[in-house]
Amino acid sequence: MSKIPVYLMPGLAASTAIFERIALPEDTFEIHFLEWEIPLDKETLADYAKRIAAKIKQPNPVLIGVSFGGILVQEMAKFMDVRKVIIISSVKSNLEFPRRLKIAKTTKAYKLIPMSLILNIESLAKFSFGEKVNQRLKLYERFLSVRDIGYLNWAVEQVVLWDRTVVDESVIHIHGDMDDVFPIKNIKNCTVVKGGTHVMILNKYKWLNENLPAIILDSK
């Protein structure tokens, strides 16, 4: 029996190292990693999704995306036949955005975020107080792979301006009830992971490893 190809797409600017604890039974699944690439000049999200989708050679893959990666795999699915699309710590449409993202779109405030700050973790740390923030910065430093300012500006804009309002009902959504980036109160029709935060791909990996195989194999 041929193995089911599973493609994993990390979150905004993150490396595939965020999936280091994800393990699926090797006799059934074959894991592949997708990486962020620098967008072409004025490249739309749809064109970018088409370009990344073209890298997938196996038929009927499972696409799993985290956060912004979840938005991307939904767009990629328009250009290929997929077995399943699973999003983790993400959104199915811009209607699930928190209020601050909707305000950012209206006011274009996202253009004011100094991306150089995001790239300079140390200077960011000087502005942060408290153990929790510093722990997250250590995580961020370790898992941040794309340090290109052009990419970051593009990616933040693609998230804020994402125009999907009609949910693809076939998308499977896994979400933590303590997600502070996309609060659960705005999310509909998802599998809730208790205690799951926005980085639960790292700290709820046991739940994911136990449940993902059945979710993928479910014929619904």
N, C-alpha and C. Protein backbone atom coordinates (compact mmCIF):
# COMPACT_ATOMS: atom_id res chain seq x y z
N MET A 1 0.84 -1.19 0.00
CA MET A 1 0.00 0.00 0.00
C MET A 1 0.88 1.25 0.00
N SER A 2 0.57 2.19 -0.87
CA SER A 2 1.40 3.39 -0.92
C SER A 2 1.07 4.29 0.27
N LYS A 3 2.08 4.99 0.75
CA LYS A 3 1.91 5.85 1.92
C LYS A 3 1.20 7.14 1.54
N ILE A 4 0.52 7.71 2.53
CA ILE A 4 -0.19 8.98 2.32
C ILE A 4 0.80 10.12 2.48
N PRO A 5 0.97 10.95 1.42
CA PRO A 5 1.89 12.08 1.56
C PRO A 5 1.28 13.20 2.40
N VAL A 6 2.01 13.66 3.39
CA VAL A 6 1.55 14.73 4.28
C VAL A 6 2.56 15.87 4.19
N TYR A 7 2.08 17.04 3.76
CA TYR A 7 2.96 18.21 3.62
C TYR A 7 2.68 19.20 4.74
N LEU A 8 3.74 19.62 5.42
CA LEU A 8 3.61 20.51 6.58
C LEU A 8 4.16 21.89 6.24
N MET A 9 3.34 22.92 6.51
CA MET A 9 3.73 24.31 6.23
C MET A 9 3.77 25.09 7.55
N PRO A 10 4.94 25.63 7.91
CA PRO A 10 5.04 26.36 9.19
C PRO A 10 4.36 27.72 9.15
N GLY A 11 4.36 28.39 10.31
CA GLY A 11 3.74 29.71 10.42
C GLY A 11 4.63 30.81 9.88
N LEU A 12 4.14 32.03 9.96
CA LEU A 12 4.80 33.19 9.39
C LEU A 12 6.27 33.27 9.82
N ALA A 13 7.16 33.24 8.82
CA ALA A 13 8.62 33.36 9.01
C ALA A 13 9.24 32.19 9.75
N ALA A 14 8.45 31.20 10.14
CA ALA A 14 8.98 30.09 10.94
C ALA A 14 9.65 29.04 10.06
N SER A 15 10.53 28.29 10.68
CA SER A 15 11.20 27.21 9.96
C SER A 15 10.45 25.89 10.19
N THR A 16 10.81 24.89 9.42
CA THR A 16 10.16 23.58 9.57
C THR A 16 10.56 22.91 10.89
N ALA A 17 11.52 23.52 11.61
CA ALA A 17 11.90 22.97 12.92
C ALA A 17 10.74 22.96 13.90
N ILE A 18 9.70 23.76 13.64
CA ILE A 18 8.55 23.75 14.57
C ILE A 18 7.85 22.39 14.56
N PHE A 19 8.12 21.58 13.52
CA PHE A 19 7.48 20.26 13.41
C PHE A 19 8.36 19.14 13.96
N GLU A 20 9.45 19.50 14.65
CA GLU A 20 10.43 18.47 15.03
C GLU A 20 9.85 17.41 15.96
N ARG A 21 8.75 17.75 16.67
CA ARG A 21 8.17 16.76 17.58
C ARG A 21 6.97 16.04 16.97
N ILE A 22 6.62 16.40 15.76
CA ILE A 22 5.47 15.75 15.12
C ILE A 22 5.93 14.45 14.47
N ALA A 23 5.32 13.34 14.88
CA ALA A 23 5.67 12.03 14.33
C ALA A 23 4.40 11.26 14.01
N LEU A 24 4.26 10.83 12.76
CA LEU A 24 3.12 10.02 12.33
C LEU A 24 3.63 8.63 11.98
N PRO A 25 2.78 7.60 12.13
CA PRO A 25 3.23 6.24 11.83
C PRO A 25 3.85 6.14 10.43
N GLU A 26 5.10 5.70 10.38
CA GLU A 26 5.84 5.71 9.12
C GLU A 26 5.36 4.67 8.12
N ASP A 27 4.62 3.68 8.60
CA ASP A 27 4.11 2.67 7.65
C ASP A 27 2.91 3.19 6.87
N THR A 28 2.32 4.28 7.34
CA THR A 28 1.11 4.81 6.69
C THR A 28 1.33 6.18 6.06
N PHE A 29 2.17 6.99 6.68
CA PHE A 29 2.33 8.39 6.24
C PHE A 29 3.76 8.70 5.84
N GLU A 30 3.88 9.59 4.88
CA GLU A 30 5.19 10.07 4.45
C GLU A 30 5.20 11.58 4.60
N ILE A 31 5.99 12.08 5.55
CA ILE A 31 5.99 13.53 5.85
C ILE A 31 6.97 14.28 4.94
N HIS A 32 6.49 15.41 4.42
CA HIS A 32 7.33 16.32 3.63
C HIS A 32 7.19 17.71 4.24
N PHE A 33 8.25 18.49 4.15
CA PHE A 33 8.22 19.84 4.71
C PHE A 33 8.23 20.89 3.60
N LEU A 34 7.38 21.89 3.76
CA LEU A 34 7.36 23.02 2.84
C LEU A 34 8.02 24.21 3.53
N GLU A 35 8.79 24.97 2.77
CA GLU A 35 9.51 26.12 3.35
C GLU A 35 8.98 27.41 2.75
N TRP A 36 9.07 28.48 3.52
CA TRP A 36 8.74 29.79 2.98
C TRP A 36 9.80 30.22 1.97
N GLU A 37 9.36 30.84 0.91
CA GLU A 37 10.28 31.39 -0.07
C GLU A 37 10.07 32.90 -0.14
N ILE A 38 11.07 33.60 -0.60
CA ILE A 38 10.94 35.05 -0.72
C ILE A 38 9.94 35.34 -1.85
N PRO A 39 8.91 36.14 -1.59
CA PRO A 39 7.92 36.43 -2.64
C PRO A 39 8.53 37.24 -3.77
N LEU A 40 7.99 37.04 -4.96
CA LEU A 40 8.41 37.83 -6.11
C LEU A 40 7.84 39.24 -5.97
N ASP A 41 8.35 40.16 -6.73
CA ASP A 41 7.89 41.54 -6.65
C ASP A 41 6.39 41.64 -6.96
N LYS A 42 5.64 42.23 -6.03
CA LYS A 42 4.18 42.42 -6.16
C LYS A 42 3.42 41.08 -6.35
N GLU A 43 3.98 39.99 -5.85
CA GLU A 43 3.32 38.69 -5.99
C GLU A 43 2.09 38.63 -5.08
N THR A 44 0.96 38.19 -5.64
CA THR A 44 -0.25 38.05 -4.84
C THR A 44 -0.17 36.75 -4.03
N LEU A 45 -1.02 36.65 -3.02
CA LEU A 45 -1.07 35.43 -2.23
C LEU A 45 -1.46 34.24 -3.11
N ALA A 46 -2.40 34.47 -4.02
CA ALA A 46 -2.84 33.38 -4.92
C ALA A 46 -1.68 32.90 -5.79
N ASP A 47 -0.92 33.83 -6.35
CA ASP A 47 0.22 33.44 -7.20
C ASP A 47 1.30 32.73 -6.38
N TYR A 48 1.51 33.21 -5.18
CA TYR A 48 2.49 32.58 -4.30
C TYR A 48 2.05 31.16 -3.97
N ALA A 49 0.76 31.00 -3.64
CA ALA A 49 0.22 29.68 -3.30
C ALA A 49 0.37 28.73 -4.49
N LYS A 50 0.13 29.23 -5.68
CA LYS A 50 0.26 28.41 -6.89
C LYS A 50 1.71 27.95 -7.07
N ARG A 51 2.64 28.85 -6.78
CA ARG A 51 4.07 28.55 -6.94
C ARG A 51 4.51 27.47 -5.94
N ILE A 52 4.04 27.59 -4.69
CA ILE A 52 4.41 26.59 -3.68
C ILE A 52 3.72 25.26 -3.98
N ALA A 53 2.46 25.33 -4.43
CA ALA A 53 1.72 24.10 -4.76
C ALA A 53 2.41 23.31 -5.86
N ALA A 54 3.06 24.01 -6.77
CA ALA A 54 3.74 23.35 -7.90
C ALA A 54 4.91 22.48 -7.44
N LYS A 55 5.37 22.69 -6.21
CA LYS A 55 6.48 21.90 -5.67
C LYS A 55 6.03 20.52 -5.20
N ILE A 56 4.72 20.34 -5.07
CA ILE A 56 4.20 19.07 -4.57
C ILE A 56 3.98 18.13 -5.74
N LYS A 57 4.67 17.02 -5.73
CA LYS A 57 4.62 16.09 -6.87
C LYS A 57 3.68 14.90 -6.63
N GLN A 58 3.45 14.55 -5.37
CA GLN A 58 2.58 13.40 -5.10
C GLN A 58 1.12 13.75 -5.29
N PRO A 59 0.33 12.82 -5.82
CA PRO A 59 -1.11 13.09 -5.99
C PRO A 59 -1.85 13.02 -4.65
N ASN A 60 -2.92 13.81 -4.57
CA ASN A 60 -3.82 13.80 -3.40
C ASN A 60 -3.10 13.86 -2.06
N PRO A 61 -2.29 14.88 -1.84
CA PRO A 61 -1.61 14.98 -0.56
C PRO A 61 -2.54 15.53 0.53
N VAL A 62 -2.10 15.36 1.76
CA VAL A 62 -2.71 16.05 2.91
C VAL A 62 -1.86 17.30 3.14
N LEU A 63 -2.52 18.46 3.23
CA LEU A 63 -1.81 19.70 3.53
C LEU A 63 -2.12 20.12 4.96
N ILE A 64 -1.09 20.32 5.76
CA ILE A 64 -1.26 20.79 7.13
C ILE A 64 -0.51 22.10 7.29
N GLY A 65 -1.23 23.15 7.69
CA GLY A 65 -0.59 24.46 7.84
C GLY A 65 -0.84 25.04 9.22
N VAL A 66 0.18 25.71 9.75
CA VAL A 66 0.09 26.33 11.07
C VAL A 66 0.01 27.85 10.90
N SER A 67 -0.96 28.49 11.58
CA SER A 67 -1.09 29.94 11.58
C SER A 67 -1.16 30.49 10.14
N PHE A 68 -0.23 31.38 9.74
CA PHE A 68 -0.26 31.89 8.36
C PHE A 68 -0.07 30.75 7.36
N GLY A 69 0.65 29.71 7.77
CA GLY A 69 0.78 28.53 6.92
C GLY A 69 -0.57 27.87 6.67
N GLY A 70 -1.48 28.00 7.65
CA GLY A 70 -2.85 27.47 7.48
C GLY A 70 -3.62 28.25 6.43
N ILE A 71 -3.41 29.56 6.40
CA ILE A 71 -4.03 30.40 5.36
C ILE A 71 -3.46 30.00 4.00
N LEU A 72 -2.14 29.81 3.95
CA LEU A 72 -1.51 29.47 2.66
C LEU A 72 -1.99 28.14 2.11
N VAL A 73 -2.07 27.10 2.95
CA VAL A 73 -2.47 25.79 2.42
C VAL A 73 -3.92 25.81 1.91
N GLN A 74 -4.76 26.66 2.52
CA GLN A 74 -6.13 26.78 1.99
C GLN A 74 -6.11 27.38 0.59
N GLU A 75 -5.22 28.34 0.37
CA GLU A 75 -5.09 28.94 -0.96
C GLU A 75 -4.45 27.96 -1.94
N MET A 76 -3.50 27.17 -1.48
CA MET A 76 -2.85 26.16 -2.34
C MET A 76 -3.85 25.13 -2.84
N ALA A 77 -4.83 24.80 -2.00
CA ALA A 77 -5.80 23.76 -2.35
C ALA A 77 -6.65 24.13 -3.57
N LYS A 78 -6.66 25.42 -3.92
CA LYS A 78 -7.40 25.84 -5.12
C LYS A 78 -6.72 25.34 -6.39
N PHE A 79 -5.44 25.02 -6.29
CA PHE A 79 -4.66 24.70 -7.48
C PHE A 79 -4.31 23.22 -7.60
N MET A 80 -4.87 22.39 -6.73
CA MET A 80 -4.52 20.97 -6.78
C MET A 80 -5.61 20.13 -6.12
N ASP A 81 -5.59 18.84 -6.43
CA ASP A 81 -6.50 17.91 -5.76
C ASP A 81 -5.84 17.47 -4.46
N VAL A 82 -6.53 17.66 -3.37
CA VAL A 82 -5.96 17.28 -2.08
C VAL A 82 -6.83 16.24 -1.39
N ARG A 83 -6.20 15.43 -0.59
CA ARG A 83 -6.95 14.46 0.22
C ARG A 83 -7.62 15.18 1.38
N LYS A 84 -6.87 16.09 1.99
CA LYS A 84 -7.39 16.84 3.13
C LYS A 84 -6.57 18.09 3.36
N VAL A 85 -7.24 19.13 3.88
CA VAL A 85 -6.55 20.33 4.34
C VAL A 85 -6.84 20.46 5.84
N ILE A 86 -5.75 20.51 6.62
CA ILE A 86 -5.88 20.64 8.08
C ILE A 86 -5.14 21.90 8.50
N ILE A 87 -5.83 22.75 9.23
CA ILE A 87 -5.16 23.97 9.72
C ILE A 87 -5.10 23.93 11.25
N ILE A 88 -3.97 24.41 11.78
CA ILE A 88 -3.71 24.39 13.22
C ILE A 88 -3.39 25.82 13.66
N SER A 89 -4.08 26.30 14.69
CA SER A 89 -3.82 27.66 15.23
C SER A 89 -3.94 28.70 14.12
N SER A 90 -5.00 28.59 13.34
CA SER A 90 -5.16 29.45 12.16
C SER A 90 -6.61 29.91 12.05
N VAL A 91 -7.00 30.36 10.87
CA VAL A 91 -8.37 30.83 10.63
C VAL A 91 -8.87 30.31 9.28
N LYS A 92 -10.19 30.14 9.17
CA LYS A 92 -10.78 29.63 7.92
C LYS A 92 -11.26 30.75 7.00
N SER A 93 -11.40 31.95 7.55
CA SER A 93 -11.79 33.12 6.75
C SER A 93 -11.43 34.37 7.55
N ASN A 94 -11.51 35.52 6.90
CA ASN A 94 -11.17 36.75 7.65
C ASN A 94 -12.25 37.13 8.66
N LEU A 95 -13.38 36.43 8.64
CA LEU A 95 -14.43 36.67 9.63
C LEU A 95 -13.99 36.16 11.01
N GLU A 96 -12.98 35.28 11.03
CA GLU A 96 -12.49 34.73 12.30
C GLU A 96 -11.32 35.55 12.86
N PHE A 97 -10.97 36.62 12.16
CA PHE A 97 -9.89 37.49 12.65
C PHE A 97 -10.30 38.17 13.95
N PRO A 98 -9.33 38.41 14.85
CA PRO A 98 -9.64 39.23 16.03
C PRO A 98 -9.85 40.69 15.61
N ARG A 99 -10.46 41.44 16.50
CA ARG A 99 -10.82 42.83 16.18
C ARG A 99 -9.59 43.65 15.77
N ARG A 100 -8.46 43.41 16.44
CA ARG A 100 -7.28 44.23 16.15
C ARG A 100 -6.80 44.05 14.70
N LEU A 101 -6.98 42.86 14.16
CA LEU A 101 -6.59 42.64 12.76
C LEU A 101 -7.54 43.35 11.81
N LYS A 102 -8.82 43.35 12.17
CA LYS A 102 -9.81 44.05 11.33
C LYS A 102 -9.54 45.56 11.36
N ILE A 103 -9.17 46.07 12.54
CA ILE A 103 -8.84 47.50 12.65
C ILE A 103 -7.58 47.80 11.84
N ALA A 104 -6.60 46.90 11.92
CA ALA A 104 -5.35 47.09 11.18
C ALA A 104 -5.62 47.19 9.69
N LYS A 105 -6.57 46.40 9.21
CA LYS A 105 -6.92 46.44 7.78
C LYS A 105 -7.53 47.79 7.42
N THR A 106 -8.46 48.24 8.23
CA THR A 106 -9.16 49.49 7.95
C THR A 106 -8.23 50.69 8.02
N THR A 107 -7.37 50.69 9.03
CA THR A 107 -6.51 51.86 9.25
C THR A 107 -5.16 51.76 8.55
N LYS A 108 -4.89 50.58 8.00
CA LYS A 108 -3.56 50.30 7.40
C LYS A 108 -2.43 50.44 8.44
N ALA A 109 -2.78 50.24 9.71
CA ALA A 109 -1.79 50.38 10.79
C ALA A 109 -0.66 49.37 10.65
N TYR A 110 -0.95 48.22 9.99
CA TYR A 110 0.08 47.19 9.86
C TYR A 110 1.31 47.70 9.11
N LYS A 111 1.13 48.74 8.31
CA LYS A 111 2.27 49.29 7.56
C LYS A 111 3.25 50.02 8.50
N LEU A 112 2.81 50.28 9.71
CA LEU A 112 3.66 51.02 10.65
C LEU A 112 4.54 50.10 11.51
N ILE A 113 4.32 48.78 11.41
CA ILE A 113 5.11 47.87 12.23
C ILE A 113 6.55 47.85 11.71
N PRO A 114 7.51 48.21 12.55
CA PRO A 114 8.90 48.19 12.07
C PRO A 114 9.42 46.76 12.00
N MET A 115 9.52 46.22 10.79
CA MET A 115 9.92 44.82 10.64
C MET A 115 11.34 44.57 11.13
N SER A 116 12.15 45.60 11.12
CA SER A 116 13.52 45.43 11.62
C SER A 116 13.51 45.05 13.09
N LEU A 117 12.47 45.48 13.80
CA LEU A 117 12.32 45.11 15.22
C LEU A 117 12.10 43.62 15.36
N ILE A 118 11.26 43.08 14.49
CA ILE A 118 10.97 41.65 14.55
C ILE A 118 12.24 40.86 14.28
N LEU A 119 13.06 41.39 13.39
CA LEU A 119 14.29 40.69 13.02
C LEU A 119 15.35 40.79 14.12
N ASN A 120 15.32 41.88 14.86
CA ASN A 120 16.32 42.06 15.92
C ASN A 120 15.72 41.63 17.25
N ILE A 121 15.85 40.35 17.54
CA ILE A 121 15.21 39.78 18.73
C ILE A 121 15.72 40.44 20.01
N GLU A 122 17.00 40.80 20.02
CA GLU A 122 17.55 41.41 21.24
C GLU A 122 16.91 42.75 21.55
N SER A 123 16.74 43.58 20.50
CA SER A 123 16.12 44.88 20.76
C SER A 123 14.66 44.70 21.16
N LEU A 124 14.02 43.68 20.61
CA LEU A 124 12.64 43.38 20.98
C LEU A 124 12.59 42.96 22.46
N ALA A 125 13.59 42.19 22.88
CA ALA A 125 13.62 41.71 24.26
C ALA A 125 13.73 42.86 25.25
N LYS A 126 14.42 43.93 24.84
CA LYS A 126 14.58 45.08 25.74
C LYS A 126 13.23 45.75 26.02
N PHE A 127 12.31 45.61 25.09
CA PHE A 127 10.99 46.21 25.27
C PHE A 127 10.05 45.29 26.03
N SER A 128 10.49 44.06 26.22
CA SER A 128 9.57 43.08 26.82
C SER A 128 9.93 42.84 28.28
N PHE A 129 8.90 42.67 29.07
CA PHE A 129 9.12 42.38 30.47
C PHE A 129 8.34 41.13 30.83
N GLY A 130 8.88 40.37 31.74
CA GLY A 130 8.15 39.18 32.17
C GLY A 130 8.71 37.93 31.52
N GLU A 131 8.67 36.87 32.30
CA GLU A 131 9.27 35.59 31.90
C GLU A 131 8.59 35.01 30.67
N LYS A 132 7.26 35.13 30.62
CA LYS A 132 6.52 34.50 29.53
C LYS A 132 6.96 35.06 28.18
N VAL A 133 7.07 36.38 28.12
CA VAL A 133 7.46 37.02 26.86
C VAL A 133 8.87 36.61 26.48
N ASN A 134 9.76 36.59 27.47
CA ASN A 134 11.14 36.23 27.16
C ASN A 134 11.28 34.77 26.71
N GLN A 135 10.47 33.90 27.30
CA GLN A 135 10.47 32.50 26.85
C GLN A 135 10.02 32.43 25.40
N ARG A 136 9.00 33.20 25.07
CA ARG A 136 8.50 33.18 23.69
C ARG A 136 9.56 33.73 22.74
N LEU A 137 10.29 34.76 23.19
CA LEU A 137 11.34 35.32 22.34
C LEU A 137 12.43 34.29 22.06
N LYS A 138 12.75 33.50 23.08
CA LYS A 138 13.76 32.45 22.87
C LYS A 138 13.25 31.45 21.83
N LEU A 139 11.98 31.10 21.95
CA LEU A 139 11.38 30.20 20.97
C LEU A 139 11.43 30.83 19.58
N TYR A 140 11.05 32.10 19.54
CA TYR A 140 10.96 32.81 18.26
C TYR A 140 12.33 32.86 17.59
N GLU A 141 13.34 33.18 18.40
CA GLU A 141 14.71 33.25 17.88
C GLU A 141 15.11 31.92 17.27
N ARG A 142 14.74 30.83 17.96
CA ARG A 142 15.15 29.51 17.51
C ARG A 142 14.42 29.07 16.24
N PHE A 143 13.14 29.43 16.15
CA PHE A 143 12.34 28.90 15.05
C PHE A 143 12.12 29.88 13.90
N LEU A 144 12.62 31.10 14.06
CA LEU A 144 12.49 32.08 12.98
C LEU A 144 13.51 31.75 11.89
N SER A 145 13.04 31.52 10.69
CA SER A 145 13.99 31.15 9.63
C SER A 145 14.09 32.20 8.54
N VAL A 146 13.01 32.94 8.32
CA VAL A 146 13.03 33.90 7.22
C VAL A 146 13.23 35.30 7.81
N ARG A 147 14.41 35.86 7.58
CA ARG A 147 14.73 37.16 8.18
C ARG A 147 14.75 38.27 7.14
N ASP A 148 14.09 38.01 6.03
CA ASP A 148 14.08 38.99 4.94
C ASP A 148 12.96 40.01 5.20
N ILE A 149 13.31 41.28 5.26
CA ILE A 149 12.31 42.31 5.59
C ILE A 149 11.23 42.38 4.51
N GLY A 150 11.61 42.19 3.26
CA GLY A 150 10.62 42.19 2.17
C GLY A 150 9.59 41.10 2.36
N TYR A 151 10.05 39.91 2.76
CA TYR A 151 9.12 38.80 3.02
C TYR A 151 8.19 39.14 4.18
N LEU A 152 8.76 39.68 5.27
CA LEU A 152 7.94 39.97 6.45
C LEU A 152 6.87 41.02 6.14
N ASN A 153 7.26 42.07 5.44
CA ASN A 153 6.27 43.09 5.05
C ASN A 153 5.17 42.47 4.20
N TRP A 154 5.59 41.65 3.25
CA TRP A 154 4.63 40.99 2.35
C TRP A 154 3.70 40.07 3.15
N ALA A 155 4.29 39.24 4.02
CA ALA A 155 3.51 38.23 4.74
C ALA A 155 2.48 38.87 5.66
N VAL A 156 2.89 39.90 6.41
CA VAL A 156 1.95 40.57 7.32
C VAL A 156 0.81 41.18 6.51
N GLU A 157 1.14 41.79 5.38
CA GLU A 157 0.10 42.38 4.53
C GLU A 157 -0.86 41.31 3.99
N GLN A 158 -0.32 40.15 3.59
CA GLN A 158 -1.18 39.07 3.05
C GLN A 158 -2.15 38.56 4.10
N VAL A 159 -1.68 38.48 5.35
CA VAL A 159 -2.58 38.04 6.42
C VAL A 159 -3.69 39.07 6.63
N VAL A 160 -3.28 40.32 6.82
CA VAL A 160 -4.26 41.37 7.16
C VAL A 160 -5.28 41.56 6.04
N LEU A 161 -4.82 41.46 4.80
CA LEU A 161 -5.71 41.72 3.65
C LEU A 161 -6.35 40.45 3.08
N TRP A 162 -6.18 39.32 3.76
CA TRP A 162 -6.76 38.07 3.24
C TRP A 162 -8.26 38.26 3.02
N ASP A 163 -8.71 37.98 1.80
CA ASP A 163 -10.08 38.36 1.45
C ASP A 163 -11.08 37.22 1.51
N ARG A 164 -10.70 36.08 2.04
CA ARG A 164 -11.64 34.95 2.07
C ARG A 164 -12.73 35.19 3.11
N THR A 165 -13.97 35.18 2.67
CA THR A 165 -15.09 35.35 3.59
C THR A 165 -15.97 34.09 3.63
N VAL A 166 -15.87 33.25 2.60
CA VAL A 166 -16.67 32.02 2.55
C VAL A 166 -15.77 30.86 2.96
N VAL A 167 -16.16 30.18 4.03
CA VAL A 167 -15.36 29.09 4.57
C VAL A 167 -15.48 27.85 3.69
N ASP A 168 -14.34 27.20 3.43
CA ASP A 168 -14.34 25.89 2.77
C ASP A 168 -14.70 24.86 3.85
N GLU A 169 -15.89 24.30 3.74
CA GLU A 169 -16.40 23.41 4.79
C GLU A 169 -15.58 22.13 4.94
N SER A 170 -14.78 21.81 3.94
CA SER A 170 -13.99 20.57 4.02
C SER A 170 -12.71 20.75 4.85
N VAL A 171 -12.36 21.99 5.15
CA VAL A 171 -11.14 22.25 5.92
C VAL A 171 -11.33 21.80 7.37
N ILE A 172 -10.36 21.05 7.88
CA ILE A 172 -10.39 20.61 9.28
C ILE A 172 -9.56 21.59 10.11
N HIS A 173 -10.17 22.09 11.16
CA HIS A 173 -9.56 23.16 11.94
C HIS A 173 -9.29 22.67 13.36
N ILE A 174 -8.02 22.72 13.79
CA ILE A 174 -7.63 22.34 15.15
C ILE A 174 -7.13 23.61 15.85
N HIS A 175 -7.69 23.90 17.00
CA HIS A 175 -7.40 25.21 17.62
C HIS A 175 -7.32 25.09 19.13
N GLY A 176 -6.39 25.82 19.73
CA GLY A 176 -6.25 25.82 21.18
C GLY A 176 -7.18 26.82 21.83
N ASP A 177 -7.70 26.47 23.00
CA ASP A 177 -8.64 27.38 23.67
C ASP A 177 -7.91 28.52 24.39
N MET A 178 -6.56 28.54 24.34
CA MET A 178 -5.80 29.64 24.94
C MET A 178 -4.96 30.36 23.91
N ASP A 179 -5.38 30.29 22.66
CA ASP A 179 -4.66 30.96 21.56
C ASP A 179 -4.84 32.48 21.73
N ASP A 180 -3.72 33.21 21.87
CA ASP A 180 -3.84 34.66 22.08
C ASP A 180 -3.70 35.45 20.77
N VAL A 181 -3.34 34.78 19.69
CA VAL A 181 -3.24 35.46 18.40
C VAL A 181 -4.59 35.42 17.68
N PHE A 182 -5.18 34.24 17.63
CA PHE A 182 -6.53 34.07 17.07
C PHE A 182 -7.43 33.50 18.18
N PRO A 183 -8.00 34.38 19.04
CA PRO A 183 -8.78 33.90 20.19
C PRO A 183 -9.93 32.98 19.79
N ILE A 184 -10.12 31.95 20.60
CA ILE A 184 -11.11 30.90 20.31
C ILE A 184 -12.53 31.47 20.19
N LYS A 185 -12.80 32.61 20.83
CA LYS A 185 -14.17 33.17 20.79
C LYS A 185 -14.57 33.56 19.38
N ASN A 186 -13.58 33.79 18.49
CA ASN A 186 -13.89 34.16 17.10
C ASN A 186 -13.94 32.96 16.16
N ILE A 187 -13.60 31.78 16.67
CA ILE A 187 -13.44 30.59 15.82
C ILE A 187 -14.69 29.72 15.89
N LYS A 188 -15.15 29.29 14.73
CA LYS A 188 -16.32 28.40 14.67
C LYS A 188 -15.91 27.04 14.11
N ASN A 189 -16.65 26.01 14.50
CA ASN A 189 -16.47 24.67 13.93
C ASN A 189 -15.02 24.21 13.90
N CYS A 190 -14.47 23.99 15.09
CA CYS A 190 -13.10 23.49 15.15
C CYS A 190 -13.00 22.42 16.23
N THR A 191 -11.95 21.64 16.15
CA THR A 191 -11.62 20.69 17.22
C THR A 191 -10.78 21.45 18.23
N VAL A 192 -11.27 21.55 19.46
CA VAL A 192 -10.61 22.38 20.47
C VAL A 192 -9.61 21.54 21.27
N VAL A 193 -8.40 22.09 21.39
CA VAL A 193 -7.38 21.45 22.23
C VAL A 193 -7.28 22.24 23.52
N LYS A 194 -7.62 21.60 24.63
CA LYS A 194 -7.63 22.29 25.93
C LYS A 194 -6.22 22.70 26.32
N GLY A 195 -6.07 23.96 26.71
CA GLY A 195 -4.76 24.47 27.11
C GLY A 195 -3.84 24.79 25.95
N GLY A 196 -4.35 24.63 24.73
CA GLY A 196 -3.52 24.89 23.56
C GLY A 196 -3.35 26.38 23.31
N THR A 197 -2.11 26.82 23.14
CA THR A 197 -1.82 28.23 22.82
C THR A 197 -1.52 28.34 21.33
N HIS A 198 -1.08 29.52 20.90
CA HIS A 198 -0.78 29.70 19.47
C HIS A 198 0.43 28.87 19.04
N VAL A 199 1.26 28.49 20.00
CA VAL A 199 2.43 27.67 19.65
C VAL A 199 2.23 26.22 20.07
N MET A 200 0.99 25.74 20.02
CA MET A 200 0.74 24.38 20.50
C MET A 200 1.35 23.31 19.59
N ILE A 201 1.78 23.68 18.40
CA ILE A 201 2.49 22.71 17.56
C ILE A 201 3.75 22.24 18.29
N LEU A 202 4.26 23.08 19.20
CA LEU A 202 5.46 22.74 19.98
C LEU A 202 5.13 22.06 21.30
N ASN A 203 4.10 22.56 22.01
CA ASN A 203 3.88 22.03 23.36
C ASN A 203 2.64 21.14 23.51
N LYS A 204 1.87 20.97 22.44
CA LYS A 204 0.77 20.01 22.47
C LYS A 204 1.00 18.93 21.42
N TYR A 205 2.28 18.66 21.14
CA TYR A 205 2.61 17.71 20.07
C TYR A 205 2.11 16.31 20.39
N LYS A 206 2.04 15.97 21.69
CA LYS A 206 1.55 14.62 22.05
C LYS A 206 0.09 14.46 21.61
N TRP A 207 -0.72 15.48 21.86
CA TRP A 207 -2.13 15.43 21.44
C TRP A 207 -2.19 15.29 19.92
N LEU A 208 -1.38 16.08 19.23
CA LEU A 208 -1.40 16.05 17.76
C LEU A 208 -0.94 14.70 17.23
N ASN A 209 0.14 14.16 17.81
CA ASN A 209 0.63 12.86 17.35
C ASN A 209 -0.38 11.74 17.59
N GLU A 210 -1.14 11.87 18.67
CA GLU A 210 -2.14 10.85 18.99
C GLU A 210 -3.37 10.96 18.10
N ASN A 211 -3.73 12.19 17.71
CA ASN A 211 -5.01 12.41 17.03
C ASN A 211 -4.92 12.63 15.52
N LEU A 212 -3.80 13.13 15.04
CA LEU A 212 -3.70 13.43 13.60
C LEU A 212 -3.92 12.21 12.71
N PRO A 213 -3.34 11.03 13.03
CA PRO A 213 -3.55 9.89 12.14
C PRO A 213 -5.03 9.57 11.88
N ALA A 214 -5.83 9.55 12.95
CA ALA A 214 -7.26 9.27 12.78
C ALA A 214 -7.97 10.38 12.03
N ILE A 215 -7.56 11.64 12.30
CA ILE A 215 -8.17 12.78 11.60
C ILE A 215 -7.90 12.69 10.10
N ILE A 216 -6.67 12.32 9.74
CA ILE A 216 -6.30 12.21 8.32
C ILE A 216 -7.05 11.05 7.67
N LEU A 217 -7.14 9.94 8.36
CA LEU A 217 -7.73 8.72 7.78
C LEU A 217 -9.26 8.73 7.78
N ASP A 218 -9.86 9.62 8.57
CA ASP A 218 -11.32 9.72 8.60
C ASP A 218 -11.84 10.02 7.20
N SER A 219 -12.75 9.20 6.73
CA SER A 219 -13.19 9.31 5.32
C SER A 219 -14.19 10.43 5.09
N LYS A 220 -14.62 11.13 6.16
CA LYS A 220 -15.59 12.22 5.99
C LYS A 220 -15.01 13.33 5.16
